[in-house]
Amino acid sequence: MKPRKKTWQELPCGAIIEDLSAVLENKTGAWRSMRPVWKADRCINCLTCWIYCPDSAIMVEDGKMKGPDYNYCKGCGICANVCPPKVHAIEMVKEQK
């Protein structure tokens, strides 16, 4: 009889980042192929893009969007997809290198 494999609850954690300063020093947005373009005049500051951004690459100050942080944005397009359709304040365009 084969030994029982561990379930996901029994497996050890794969990685823990204890020092976040190393993460912040490594800019991760250099390899994207698309980039979000924010239209401030259309934005209603609902901050839905900020909530859904998996890389925390939406800059917010005093409760208002300041735009994408291109140093960390990977161009996934989630921000543009969750922006309300009638607002359409974020558009994805090809990255120019």
Protein backbone atom coordinates (compact mmCIF):
# COMPACT_ATOMS: atom_id res chain seq x y z
CA MET A 1 0.00 0.00 0.00
CA LYS A 2 1.30 3.45 -0.94
CA PRO A 3 1.71 6.01 1.83
CA ARG A 4 -1.07 8.59 1.98
CA LYS A 5 -0.24 11.92 0.32
CA LYS A 6 -0.69 15.07 2.33
CA THR A 7 -3.70 17.26 1.65
CA TRP A 8 -3.28 20.94 0.84
CA GLN A 9 -4.10 21.81 4.46
CA GLU A 10 -1.21 19.67 5.68
CA LEU A 11 1.45 21.02 3.32
CA PRO A 12 3.93 23.59 4.66
CA CYS A 13 3.72 27.14 3.40
CA GLY A 14 5.82 27.51 0.23
CA ALA A 15 7.26 30.95 0.86
CA ILE A 16 6.99 33.86 3.21
CA ILE A 17 8.33 37.30 2.39
CA GLU A 18 9.54 38.67 5.68
CA ASP A 19 11.31 41.76 4.34
CA LEU A 20 9.02 43.71 2.00
CA SER A 21 11.69 46.29 1.23
CA ALA A 22 13.27 43.82 -1.22
CA VAL A 23 9.96 43.51 -3.07
CA LEU A 24 9.58 47.27 -3.36
CA GLU A 25 13.11 47.68 -4.69
CA ASN A 26 12.49 45.30 -7.60
CA LYS A 27 10.48 47.08 -10.25
CA THR A 28 8.33 44.44 -11.95
CA GLY A 29 6.54 46.33 -14.71
CA ALA A 30 9.27 46.33 -17.36
CA TRP A 31 8.11 43.28 -19.30
CA ARG A 32 4.46 44.15 -19.98
CA SER A 33 3.15 44.24 -23.55
CA MET A 34 0.08 46.39 -22.78
CA ARG A 35 -0.21 49.40 -20.50
CA PRO A 36 -3.23 51.11 -18.93
CA VAL A 37 -3.83 54.72 -19.90
CA TRP A 38 -5.83 56.58 -17.27
CA LYS A 39 -8.18 59.37 -18.38
CA ALA A 40 -8.47 61.61 -15.32
CA ASP A 41 -11.28 63.67 -16.85
CA ARG A 42 -13.49 60.56 -17.10
CA CYS A 43 -12.59 58.96 -13.75
CA ILE A 44 -15.30 59.01 -11.04
CA ASN A 45 -12.89 57.80 -8.30
CA CYS A 46 -14.90 54.69 -7.51
CA LEU A 47 -11.52 52.98 -6.90
CA THR A 48 -12.76 49.67 -8.28
CA CYS A 49 -9.49 49.43 -10.24
CA TRP A 50 -7.52 49.87 -7.01
CA ILE A 51 -9.52 47.12 -5.29
CA TYR A 52 -9.00 44.58 -8.09
CA CYS A 53 -5.41 45.33 -9.13
CA PRO A 54 -3.42 42.18 -8.24
CA ASP A 55 -0.13 44.12 -8.12
CA SER A 56 -1.29 47.13 -6.08
CA ALA A 57 -0.17 49.25 -9.01
CA ILE A 58 -2.93 51.87 -8.76
CA MET A 59 -1.77 54.99 -6.96
CA VAL A 60 -4.34 56.59 -4.67
CA GLU A 61 -3.91 59.74 -2.60
CA ASP A 62 -6.54 61.25 -0.30
CA GLY A 63 -9.15 58.81 -1.61
CA LYS A 64 -8.61 59.76 -5.26
CA MET A 65 -6.89 57.91 -8.04
CA LYS A 66 -3.57 59.36 -9.15
CA GLY A 67 -2.95 56.88 -11.98
CA PRO A 68 -1.18 53.60 -12.59
CA ASP A 69 2.25 52.97 -11.11
CA TYR A 70 4.09 51.78 -14.22
CA ASN A 71 7.02 50.56 -12.14
CA TYR A 72 4.87 47.69 -10.87
CA CYS A 73 2.00 47.40 -13.38
CA LYS A 74 2.25 44.21 -15.43
CA GLY A 75 -0.39 45.22 -17.99
CA CYS A 76 -2.92 42.51 -17.13
CA GLY A 77 -5.87 44.79 -17.98
CA ILE A 78 -7.97 43.96 -14.94
CA CYS A 79 -8.23 47.67 -14.07
CA ALA A 80 -9.65 48.47 -17.52
CA ASN A 81 -12.07 45.53 -17.35
CA VAL A 82 -13.51 46.50 -13.96
CA CYS A 83 -13.81 50.22 -14.74
CA PRO A 84 -17.55 50.94 -15.15
CA PRO A 85 -18.48 50.69 -18.86
CA LYS A 86 -20.12 54.13 -19.00
CA VAL A 87 -17.02 55.68 -17.42
CA HIS A 88 -14.30 53.87 -19.40
CA ALA A 89 -11.54 55.86 -17.68
CA ILE A 90 -8.83 53.25 -18.28
CA GLU A 91 -7.87 52.03 -21.72
CA MET A 92 -5.27 49.37 -22.51
CA VAL A 93 -2.81 50.28 -25.27
CA LYS A 94 0.26 48.56 -26.68
CA GLU A 95 3.40 49.27 -24.71
CA GLN A 96 5.91 51.40 -26.61
CA LYS A 97 9.49 50.38 -25.87
